[in-house]
């Protein structure tokens, strides 16, 4: 009886051991981030750089099952295009080889990021106002804070192409509101601020395929601190825009906008 009992106990122990292995957490990350880009684009004949102009590499952040970052894993990077206009080495360094768009995915373990489209563009050599005229910003006379006046501060960034200047795609343009009318103390937001096309506060835009970037100057009349503006006084907002490459400002950065502000009754 003793040998038979020992055999049964050994079988039970083996089953328990297998169960412990099967129930353990899987190795590797539970989730990963999207592809981390130090810049929206890369220049032909150069490596990708960060906002300060230093060479920088792609990245992917990995997380364990509890959401904590993992530091002991290394991502891999793959170009999905045939004849792509850029190369990506094992460390994540991107080098532009010709104009176009390269699609890159990152992978850690069995998890893969969505493909990121990275423009390969020319080096910026000039930034200029898109329009030579500045429109007056008409702010509606209203106590309704949803009623807002807007005016765009638009610039175009260009570089030297094969035969002529071309728009520079994927470069960050930074805007600064240097001067603006005052805001009442009880206001929830500034009476005058910079925003994107959806009205969300924003001071940075990325140039499109034509090299254009813009931010809107937004005025909420109900929050204006200078009541004389409600009686016909003309004030203004001063905005600057600039971009840089390899850590140096692109000439003639910063571009300066002086936008007149007038409060008027909004007619139906």
C-alpha atoms as a PDB file:
ATOM      1  CA  UNK A   1       0.000   0.000   0.000  1.00  0.00           C
ATOM      2  CA  UNK A   2       2.816   2.438   0.775  1.00  0.00           C
ATOM      3  CA  UNK A   3       4.332   2.374  -2.747  1.00  0.00           C
ATOM      4  CA  UNK A   4       0.876   2.901  -4.272  1.00  0.00           C
ATOM      5  CA  UNK A   5       0.209   5.849  -1.926  1.00  0.00           C
ATOM      6  CA  UNK A   6       3.591   7.375  -2.777  1.00  0.00           C
ATOM      7  CA  UNK A   7       2.818   7.085  -6.487  1.00  0.00           C
ATOM      8  CA  UNK A   8      -0.533   8.848  -6.052  1.00  0.00           C
ATOM      9  CA  UNK A   9       1.095  11.644  -4.036  1.00  0.00           C
ATOM     10  CA  UNK A  10       3.792  12.041  -6.702  1.00  0.00           C
ATOM     11  CA  UNK A  11       1.152  12.355  -9.454  1.00  0.00           C
ATOM     12  CA  UNK A  12      -0.795  14.940  -7.430  1.00  0.00           C
ATOM     13  CA  UNK A  13       2.411  16.893  -6.831  1.00  0.00           C
ATOM     14  CA  UNK A  14       3.212  16.881 -10.553  1.00  0.00           C
ATOM     15  CA  UNK A  15      -0.292  18.165 -11.379  1.00  0.00           C
ATOM     16  CA  UNK A  16       0.057  20.971  -8.815  1.00  0.00           C
ATOM     17  CA  UNK A  17       3.459  21.889 -10.291  1.00  0.00           C
ATOM     18  CA  UNK A  18       2.022  22.091 -13.802  1.00  0.00           C
ATOM     19  CA  UNK A  19      -0.883  24.169 -12.524  1.00  0.00           C
ATOM     20  CA  UNK A  20       1.527  26.683 -10.960  1.00  0.00           C
ATOM     21  CA  UNK A  21       3.350  27.111 -14.266  1.00  0.00           C
ATOM     22  CA  UNK A  22       0.146  27.529 -16.297  1.00  0.00           C
ATOM     23  CA  UNK A  23      -1.280  30.128 -13.930  1.00  0.00           C
ATOM     24  CA  UNK A  24       1.798  32.356 -13.897  1.00  0.00           C
ATOM     25  CA  UNK A  25       1.744  35.788 -15.600  1.00  0.00           C
ATOM     26  CA  UNK A  26       2.974  35.819 -19.230  1.00  0.00           C
ATOM     27  CA  UNK A  27       6.493  37.133 -19.826  1.00  0.00           C
ATOM     28  CA  UNK A  28       7.033  40.460 -21.586  1.00  0.00           C
ATOM     29  CA  UNK A  29       4.993  43.673 -21.482  1.00  0.00           C
ATOM     30  CA  UNK A  30       1.231  43.720 -21.106  1.00  0.00           C
ATOM     31  CA  UNK A  31       0.911  46.812 -23.306  1.00  0.00           C
ATOM     32  CA  UNK A  32       3.008  49.367 -25.202  1.00  0.00           C
ATOM     33  CA  UNK A  33       2.635  52.982 -26.230  1.00  0.00           C
ATOM     34  CA  UNK A  34       2.316  54.372 -29.723  1.00  0.00           C
ATOM     35  CA  UNK A  35       5.580  55.124 -31.514  1.00  0.00           C
ATOM     36  CA  UNK A  36       7.338  58.024 -29.751  1.00  0.00           C
ATOM     37  CA  UNK A  37       8.599  60.608 -32.274  1.00  0.00           C
ATOM     38  CA  UNK A  38      11.144  63.241 -31.178  1.00  0.00           C
ATOM     39  CA  UNK A  39      10.088  65.293 -34.225  1.00  0.00           C
ATOM     40  CA  UNK A  40       7.157  65.213 -36.681  1.00  0.00           C
ATOM     41  CA  UNK A  41       9.587  64.956 -39.623  1.00  0.00           C
ATOM     42  CA  UNK A  42      13.157  64.319 -40.734  1.00  0.00           C
ATOM     43  CA  UNK A  43      15.265  66.293 -43.226  1.00  0.00           C
ATOM     44  CA  UNK A  44      16.854  64.743 -46.313  1.00  0.00           C
ATOM     45  CA  UNK A  45      20.492  63.911 -45.583  1.00  0.00           C
ATOM     46  CA  UNK A  46      20.064  64.354 -41.836  1.00  0.00           C
ATOM     47  CA  UNK A  47      18.965  62.340 -38.803  1.00  0.00           C
ATOM     48  CA  UNK A  48      15.790  63.030 -36.824  1.00  0.00           C
ATOM     49  CA  UNK A  49      16.275  65.681 -34.128  1.00  0.00           C
ATOM     50  CA  UNK A  50      14.425  66.798 -31.024  1.00  0.00           C
ATOM     51  CA  UNK A  51      12.976  70.260 -30.320  1.00  0.00           C
ATOM     52  CA  UNK A  52      16.402  71.518 -29.188  1.00  0.00           C
ATOM     53  CA  UNK A  53      18.083  70.376 -32.392  1.00  0.00           C
ATOM     54  CA  UNK A  54      19.964  67.404 -30.932  1.00  0.00           C
ATOM     55  CA  UNK A  55      19.915  64.018 -32.734  1.00  0.00           C
ATOM     56  CA  UNK A  56      17.174  61.883 -31.175  1.00  0.00           C
ATOM     57  CA  UNK A  57      15.775  58.394 -31.718  1.00  0.00           C
ATOM     58  CA  UNK A  58      12.381  56.760 -31.957  1.00  0.00           C
ATOM     59  CA  UNK A  59      11.029  55.105 -28.854  1.00  0.00           C
ATOM     60  CA  UNK A  60       8.313  52.822 -27.512  1.00  0.00           C
ATOM     61  CA  UNK A  61       7.228  52.677 -23.860  1.00  0.00           C
ATOM     62  CA  UNK A  62       6.328  49.281 -22.411  1.00  0.00           C
ATOM     63  CA  UNK A  63       4.046  48.659 -19.414  1.00  0.00           C
ATOM     64  CA  UNK A  64       3.443  45.667 -17.190  1.00  0.00           C
ATOM     65  CA  UNK A  65       0.004  44.356 -16.208  1.00  0.00           C
ATOM     66  CA  UNK A  66      -0.282  46.925 -13.391  1.00  0.00           C
ATOM     67  CA  UNK A  67       0.530  49.847 -15.713  1.00  0.00           C
ATOM     68  CA  UNK A  68       4.087  50.410 -14.476  1.00  0.00           C
ATOM     69  CA  UNK A  69       6.776  51.250 -17.035  1.00  0.00           C
ATOM     70  CA  UNK A  70       9.243  48.529 -17.926  1.00  0.00           C
ATOM     71  CA  UNK A  71      12.882  49.560 -18.283  1.00  0.00           C
ATOM     72  CA  UNK A  72      14.486  46.231 -19.134  1.00  0.00           C
ATOM     73  CA  UNK A  73      13.024  45.813 -22.628  1.00  0.00           C
ATOM     74  CA  UNK A  74      14.303  47.067 -25.974  1.00  0.00           C
ATOM     75  CA  UNK A  75      12.033  47.991 -28.896  1.00  0.00           C
ATOM     76  CA  UNK A  76      12.613  47.060 -32.505  1.00  0.00           C
ATOM     77  CA  UNK A  77      11.681  49.269 -35.458  1.00  0.00           C
ATOM     78  CA  UNK A  78      10.558  48.325 -38.956  1.00  0.00           C
ATOM     79  CA  UNK A  79      10.017  50.343 -42.127  1.00  0.00           C
ATOM     80  CA  UNK A  80       6.936  49.058 -43.927  1.00  0.00           C
ATOM     81  CA  UNK A  81       7.530  50.768 -47.293  1.00  0.00           C
ATOM     82  CA  UNK A  82       9.353  49.334 -50.266  1.00  0.00           C
ATOM     83  CA  UNK A  83      11.961  51.838 -51.463  1.00  0.00           C
ATOM     84  CA  UNK A  84      11.270  54.048 -48.444  1.00  0.00           C
ATOM     85  CA  UNK A  85      12.620  57.653 -48.372  1.00  0.00           C
ATOM     86  CA  UNK A  86      14.315  57.061 -44.992  1.00  0.00           C
ATOM     87  CA  UNK A  87      16.163  54.374 -43.062  1.00  0.00           C
ATOM     88  CA  UNK A  88      15.748  53.333 -39.425  1.00  0.00           C
ATOM     89  CA  UNK A  89      18.558  51.482 -37.667  1.00  0.00           C
ATOM     90  CA  UNK A  90      18.241  49.041 -34.762  1.00  0.00           C
ATOM     91  CA  UNK A  91      18.622  51.830 -32.204  1.00  0.00           C
ATOM     92  CA  UNK A  92      15.738  53.840 -33.672  1.00  0.00           C
ATOM     93  CA  UNK A  93      17.789  56.521 -35.458  1.00  0.00           C
ATOM     94  CA  UNK A  94      15.932  57.804 -38.538  1.00  0.00           C
ATOM     95  CA  UNK A  95      17.897  59.158 -41.528  1.00  0.00           C
ATOM     96  CA  UNK A  96      16.204  60.916 -44.452  1.00  0.00           C
ATOM     97  CA  UNK A  97      17.386  59.838 -47.909  1.00  0.00           C
ATOM     98  CA  UNK A  98      14.881  61.437 -50.300  1.00  0.00           C
ATOM     99  CA  UNK A  99      11.637  63.417 -50.231  1.00  0.00           C
ATOM    100  CA  UNK A 100       8.526  61.445 -49.354  1.00  0.00           C
ATOM    101  CA  UNK A 101       6.778  59.767 -46.449  1.00  0.00           C
ATOM    102  CA  UNK A 102       8.150  56.785 -44.560  1.00  0.00           C
ATOM    103  CA  UNK A 103       5.934  54.482 -42.467  1.00  0.00           C
ATOM    104  CA  UNK A 104       7.480  52.982 -39.357  1.00  0.00           C
ATOM    105  CA  UNK A 105       6.208  50.562 -36.690  1.00  0.00           C
ATOM    106  CA  UNK A 106       7.745  49.741 -33.326  1.00  0.00           C
ATOM    107  CA  UNK A 107       7.613  46.364 -31.621  1.00  0.00           C
ATOM    108  CA  UNK A 108       8.367  44.949 -28.171  1.00  0.00           C
ATOM    109  CA  UNK A 109       7.903  41.222 -27.776  1.00  0.00           C
ATOM    110  CA  UNK A 110       4.755  40.278 -29.699  1.00  0.00           C
ATOM    111  CA  UNK A 111       3.181  43.737 -29.362  1.00  0.00           C
ATOM    112  CA  UNK A 112       3.390  46.190 -32.247  1.00  0.00           C
ATOM    113  CA  UNK A 113       2.517  49.883 -32.562  1.00  0.00           C
ATOM    114  CA  UNK A 114       0.318  51.330 -35.309  1.00  0.00           C
ATOM    115  CA  UNK A 115       2.352  52.579 -38.270  1.00  0.00           C
ATOM    116  CA  UNK A 116       3.492  56.204 -37.965  1.00  0.00           C
ATOM    117  CA  UNK A 117       3.777  58.303 -41.141  1.00  0.00           C
ATOM    118  CA  UNK A 118       6.924  60.468 -41.034  1.00  0.00           C
ATOM    119  CA  UNK A 119       7.474  63.121 -43.734  1.00  0.00           C
ATOM    120  CA  UNK A 120      10.963  63.423 -45.180  1.00  0.00           C
ATOM    121  CA  UNK A 121      11.399  67.078 -46.083  1.00  0.00           C
ATOM    122  CA  UNK A 122      13.981  69.725 -46.994  1.00  0.00           C
ATOM    123  CA  UNK A 123      15.811  71.858 -44.463  1.00  0.00           C
ATOM    124  CA  UNK A 124      13.972  75.103 -43.629  1.00  0.00           C
ATOM    125  CA  UNK A 125      15.703  78.282 -44.767  1.00  0.00           C
ATOM    126  CA  UNK A 126      12.985  80.938 -44.492  1.00  0.00           C
ATOM    127  CA  UNK A 127       9.891  81.723 -42.426  1.00  0.00           C
ATOM    128  CA  UNK A 128       7.500  84.475 -43.512  1.00  0.00           C
ATOM    129  CA  UNK A 129       3.971  85.690 -42.916  1.00  0.00           C
ATOM    130  CA  UNK A 130       1.590  83.848 -45.216  1.00  0.00           C
ATOM    131  CA  UNK A 131      -0.345  87.064 -45.909  1.00  0.00           C
ATOM    132  CA  UNK A 132       1.080  90.577 -46.141  1.00  0.00           C
ATOM    133  CA  UNK A 133      -2.114  92.044 -44.672  1.00  0.00           C
ATOM    134  CA  UNK A 134      -3.358  91.692 -41.098  1.00  0.00           C
ATOM    135  CA  UNK A 135      -7.106  91.454 -40.539  1.00  0.00           C
ATOM    136  CA  UNK A 136      -8.684  93.387 -37.690  1.00  0.00           C
ATOM    137  CA  UNK A 137     -10.055  91.074 -35.024  1.00  0.00           C
ATOM    138  CA  UNK A 138     -13.741  91.892 -34.495  1.00  0.00           C
ATOM    139  CA  UNK A 139     -14.870  90.773 -31.031  1.00  0.00           C
ATOM    140  CA  UNK A 140     -18.660  90.545 -30.532  1.00  0.00           C
ATOM    141  CA  UNK A 141     -20.119  92.805 -27.820  1.00  0.00           C
ATOM    142  CA  UNK A 142     -21.734  90.201 -25.563  1.00  0.00           C
ATOM    143  CA  UNK A 143     -21.749  88.882 -21.992  1.00  0.00           C
ATOM    144  CA  UNK A 144     -21.974  85.363 -23.428  1.00  0.00           C
ATOM    145  CA  UNK A 145     -18.537  83.778 -23.002  1.00  0.00           C
ATOM    146  CA  UNK A 146     -19.180  81.409 -25.900  1.00  0.00           C
ATOM    147  CA  UNK A 147     -19.242  84.407 -28.247  1.00  0.00           C
ATOM    148  CA  UNK A 148     -15.676  84.902 -29.408  1.00  0.00           C
ATOM    149  CA  UNK A 149     -13.742  86.865 -31.973  1.00  0.00           C
ATOM    150  CA  UNK A 150     -10.811  85.265 -33.815  1.00  0.00           C
ATOM    151  CA  UNK A 151      -8.038  86.229 -36.198  1.00  0.00           C
ATOM    152  CA  UNK A 152      -5.310  84.013 -37.618  1.00  0.00           C
ATOM    153  CA  UNK A 153      -1.564  84.479 -37.355  1.00  0.00           C
ATOM    154  CA  UNK A 154      -0.301  82.377 -40.282  1.00  0.00           C
ATOM    155  CA  UNK A 155       3.240  81.727 -41.472  1.00  0.00           C
ATOM    156  CA  UNK A 156       4.856  79.683 -44.224  1.00  0.00           C
ATOM    157  CA  UNK A 157       8.156  77.853 -43.805  1.00  0.00           C
ATOM    158  CA  UNK A 158      10.110  77.179 -47.010  1.00  0.00           C
ATOM    159  CA  UNK A 159      13.362  75.511 -47.971  1.00  0.00           C
ATOM    160  CA  UNK A 160      15.449  75.057 -51.098  1.00  0.00           C
ATOM    161  CA  UNK A 161      14.110  72.295 -53.343  1.00  0.00           C
ATOM    162  CA  UNK A 162      15.648  70.687 -56.407  1.00  0.00           C
ATOM    163  CA  UNK A 163      14.654  73.562 -58.708  1.00  0.00           C
ATOM    164  CA  UNK A 164      12.887  76.149 -56.530  1.00  0.00           C
ATOM    165  CA  UNK A 165      11.847  76.913 -52.943  1.00  0.00           C
ATOM    166  CA  UNK A 166       9.310  74.446 -51.561  1.00  0.00           C
ATOM    167  CA  UNK A 167       7.155  74.232 -48.458  1.00  0.00           C
ATOM    168  CA  UNK A 168       8.744  72.486 -45.483  1.00  0.00           C
ATOM    169  CA  UNK A 169       6.487  69.776 -44.063  1.00  0.00           C
ATOM    170  CA  UNK A 170       6.385  68.651 -40.455  1.00  0.00           C
ATOM    171  CA  UNK A 171       8.211  71.467 -38.683  1.00  0.00           C
ATOM    172  CA  UNK A 172       7.055  72.893 -35.363  1.00  0.00           C
ATOM    173  CA  UNK A 173       6.225  76.587 -35.258  1.00  0.00           C
ATOM    174  CA  UNK A 174       6.060  78.104 -31.772  1.00  0.00           C
ATOM    175  CA  UNK A 175       3.767  81.066 -31.107  1.00  0.00           C
ATOM    176  CA  UNK A 176       3.963  83.541 -28.235  1.00  0.00           C
ATOM    177  CA  UNK A 177       1.324  86.074 -27.178  1.00  0.00           C
ATOM    178  CA  UNK A 178       3.648  88.944 -26.299  1.00  0.00           C
ATOM    179  CA  UNK A 179       1.014  91.583 -25.551  1.00  0.00           C
ATOM    180  CA  UNK A 180      -2.780  91.586 -25.171  1.00  0.00           C
ATOM    181  CA  UNK A 181      -5.632  93.501 -23.496  1.00  0.00           C
ATOM    182  CA  UNK A 182      -6.083  92.759 -19.785  1.00  0.00           C
ATOM    183  CA  UNK A 183      -8.456  90.216 -18.235  1.00  0.00           C
ATOM    184  CA  UNK A 184     -10.928  90.749 -15.376  1.00  0.00           C
ATOM    185  CA  UNK A 185      -9.969  89.088 -12.078  1.00  0.00           C
ATOM    186  CA  UNK A 186     -13.045  86.833 -11.991  1.00  0.00           C
ATOM    187  CA  UNK A 187     -12.466  85.339 -15.467  1.00  0.00           C
ATOM    188  CA  UNK A 188     -12.054  81.574 -15.802  1.00  0.00           C
ATOM    189  CA  UNK A 189      -9.646  82.005 -18.735  1.00  0.00           C
ATOM    190  CA  UNK A 190      -7.647  84.832 -20.255  1.00  0.00           C
ATOM    191  CA  UNK A 191      -9.687  87.327 -22.268  1.00  0.00           C
ATOM    192  CA  UNK A 192      -7.183  86.958 -25.125  1.00  0.00           C
ATOM    193  CA  UNK A 193      -5.329  83.711 -25.875  1.00  0.00           C
ATOM    194  CA  UNK A 194      -3.878  81.602 -28.676  1.00  0.00           C
ATOM    195  CA  UNK A 195      -5.829  78.588 -29.921  1.00  0.00           C
ATOM    196  CA  UNK A 196      -6.066  75.960 -32.642  1.00  0.00           C
ATOM    197  CA  UNK A 197      -8.830  75.850 -35.256  1.00  0.00           C
ATOM    198  CA  UNK A 198     -11.155  74.119 -32.770  1.00  0.00           C
ATOM    199  CA  UNK A 199     -10.740  76.921 -30.227  1.00  0.00           C
ATOM    200  CA  UNK A 200      -8.582  74.886 -27.840  1.00  0.00           C
ATOM    201  CA  UNK A 201      -5.682  76.782 -26.206  1.00  0.00           C
ATOM    202  CA  UNK A 202      -2.522  76.012 -28.184  1.00  0.00           C
ATOM    203  CA  UNK A 203       0.783  77.767 -28.853  1.00  0.00           C
ATOM    204  CA  UNK A 204       2.396  75.273 -31.277  1.00  0.00           C
ATOM    205  CA  UNK A 205       1.468  74.185 -34.799  1.00  0.00           C
ATOM    206  CA  UNK A 206       3.083  71.772 -37.273  1.00  0.00           C
ATOM    207  CA  UNK A 207       3.574  72.879 -40.861  1.00  0.00           C
ATOM    208  CA  UNK A 208       1.421  71.101 -43.432  1.00  0.00           C
ATOM    209  CA  UNK A 209       2.446  69.821 -46.875  1.00  0.00           C
ATOM    210  CA  UNK A 210       2.620  73.404 -48.180  1.00  0.00           C
ATOM    211  CA  UNK A 211       4.708  74.599 -45.236  1.00  0.00           C
ATOM    212  CA  UNK A 212       1.796  76.482 -43.652  1.00  0.00           C
ATOM    213  CA  UNK A 213       1.224  76.847 -39.902  1.00  0.00           C
ATOM    214  CA  UNK A 214      -1.126  79.099 -37.946  1.00  0.00           C
ATOM    215  CA  UNK A 215      -2.669  79.805 -34.551  1.00  0.00           C
ATOM    216  CA  UNK A 216      -5.741  81.908 -33.860  1.00  0.00           C
ATOM    217  CA  UNK A 217      -5.896  84.890 -31.552  1.00  0.00           C
ATOM    218  CA  UNK A 218      -9.139  84.481 -29.606  1.00  0.00           C
ATOM    219  CA  UNK A 219     -10.948  87.261 -27.723  1.00  0.00           C
ATOM    220  CA  UNK A 220     -13.739  86.715 -25.163  1.00  0.00           C
ATOM    221  CA  UNK A 221     -15.322  90.141 -24.789  1.00  0.00           C
ATOM    222  CA  UNK A 222     -17.036  89.261 -21.498  1.00  0.00           C
ATOM    223  CA  UNK A 223     -13.619  88.753 -19.876  1.00  0.00           C
ATOM    224  CA  UNK A 224     -11.954  91.969 -21.080  1.00  0.00           C
ATOM    225  CA  UNK A 225     -10.589  94.066 -18.242  1.00  0.00           C
ATOM    226  CA  UNK A 226     -10.416  97.376 -20.133  1.00  0.00           C
ATOM    227  CA  UNK A 227     -14.020  98.629 -20.306  1.00  0.00           C
ATOM    228  CA  UNK A 228     -13.042 101.395 -22.724  1.00  0.00           C
ATOM    229  CA  UNK A 229     -12.731  98.676 -25.374  1.00  0.00           C
ATOM    230  CA  UNK A 230     -16.507  98.296 -25.082  1.00  0.00           C
ATOM    231  CA  UNK A 231     -16.899 101.965 -25.984  1.00  0.00           C
ATOM    232  CA  UNK A 232     -15.008 102.030 -29.255  1.00  0.00           C
ATOM    233  CA  UNK A 233     -11.353 102.014 -28.169  1.00  0.00           C
ATOM    234  CA  UNK A 234      -9.028 100.111 -30.526  1.00  0.00           C
ATOM    235  CA  UNK A 235      -6.409  97.891 -28.892  1.00  0.00           C
ATOM    236  CA  UNK A 236      -4.161  95.170 -30.282  1.00  0.00           C
ATOM    237  CA  UNK A 237      -2.574  91.798 -29.646  1.00  0.00           C
ATOM    238  CA  UNK A 238       1.093  91.218 -30.440  1.00  0.00           C
ATOM    239  CA  UNK A 239       2.075  87.682 -31.450  1.00  0.00           C
ATOM    240  CA  UNK A 240       5.409  86.215 -32.504  1.00  0.00           C
ATOM    241  CA  UNK A 241       6.068  82.989 -34.445  1.00  0.00           C
ATOM    242  CA  UNK A 242       9.334  81.138 -34.848  1.00  0.00           C
ATOM    243  CA  UNK A 243      10.819  77.843 -35.950  1.00  0.00           C
ATOM    244  CA  UNK A 244      14.295  76.393 -35.678  1.00  0.00           C
ATOM    245  CA  UNK A 245      16.542  73.743 -37.201  1.00  0.00           C
ATOM    246  CA  UNK A 246      19.572  72.146 -35.531  1.00  0.00           C
ATOM    247  CA  UNK A 247      18.990  74.436 -32.570  1.00  0.00           C
ATOM    248  CA  UNK A 248      19.242  77.674 -34.608  1.00  0.00           C
ATOM    249  CA  UNK A 249      16.331  79.976 -35.433  1.00  0.00           C
ATOM    250  CA  UNK A 250      15.235  79.981 -39.074  1.00  0.00           C
ATOM    251  CA  UNK A 251      15.591  83.513 -40.475  1.00  0.00           C
ATOM    252  CA  UNK A 252      13.973  85.932 -39.889  1.00  0.00           C
ATOM    253  CA  UNK A 253      12.449  84.345 -36.761  1.00  0.00           C
ATOM    254  CA  UNK A 254      10.644  85.544 -34.810  1.00  0.00           C
ATOM    255  CA  UNK A 255       7.929  86.841 -37.153  1.00  0.00           C
ATOM    256  CA  UNK A 256       5.869  89.571 -35.449  1.00  0.00           C
ATOM    257  CA  UNK A 257       2.125  90.129 -35.847  1.00  0.00           C
ATOM    258  CA  UNK A 258       0.266  93.180 -34.542  1.00  0.00           C
ATOM    259  CA  UNK A 259      -3.457  92.375 -34.700  1.00  0.00           C
ATOM    260  CA  UNK A 260      -5.904  95.264 -34.082  1.00  0.00           C
ATOM    261  CA  UNK A 261      -8.817  94.388 -31.776  1.00  0.00           C
ATOM    262  CA  UNK A 262     -12.210  96.110 -32.032  1.00  0.00           C
ATOM    263  CA  UNK A 263     -15.377  95.290 -30.049  1.00  0.00           C
ATOM    264  CA  UNK A 264     -18.605  95.627 -32.001  1.00  0.00           C
ATOM    265  CA  UNK A 265     -22.237  94.685 -31.589  1.00  0.00           C
ATOM    266  CA  UNK A 266     -22.865  91.496 -33.515  1.00  0.00           C
ATOM    267  CA  UNK A 267     -25.692  92.035 -35.986  1.00  0.00           C
ATOM    268  CA  UNK A 268     -28.146  89.200 -36.750  1.00  0.00           C
END
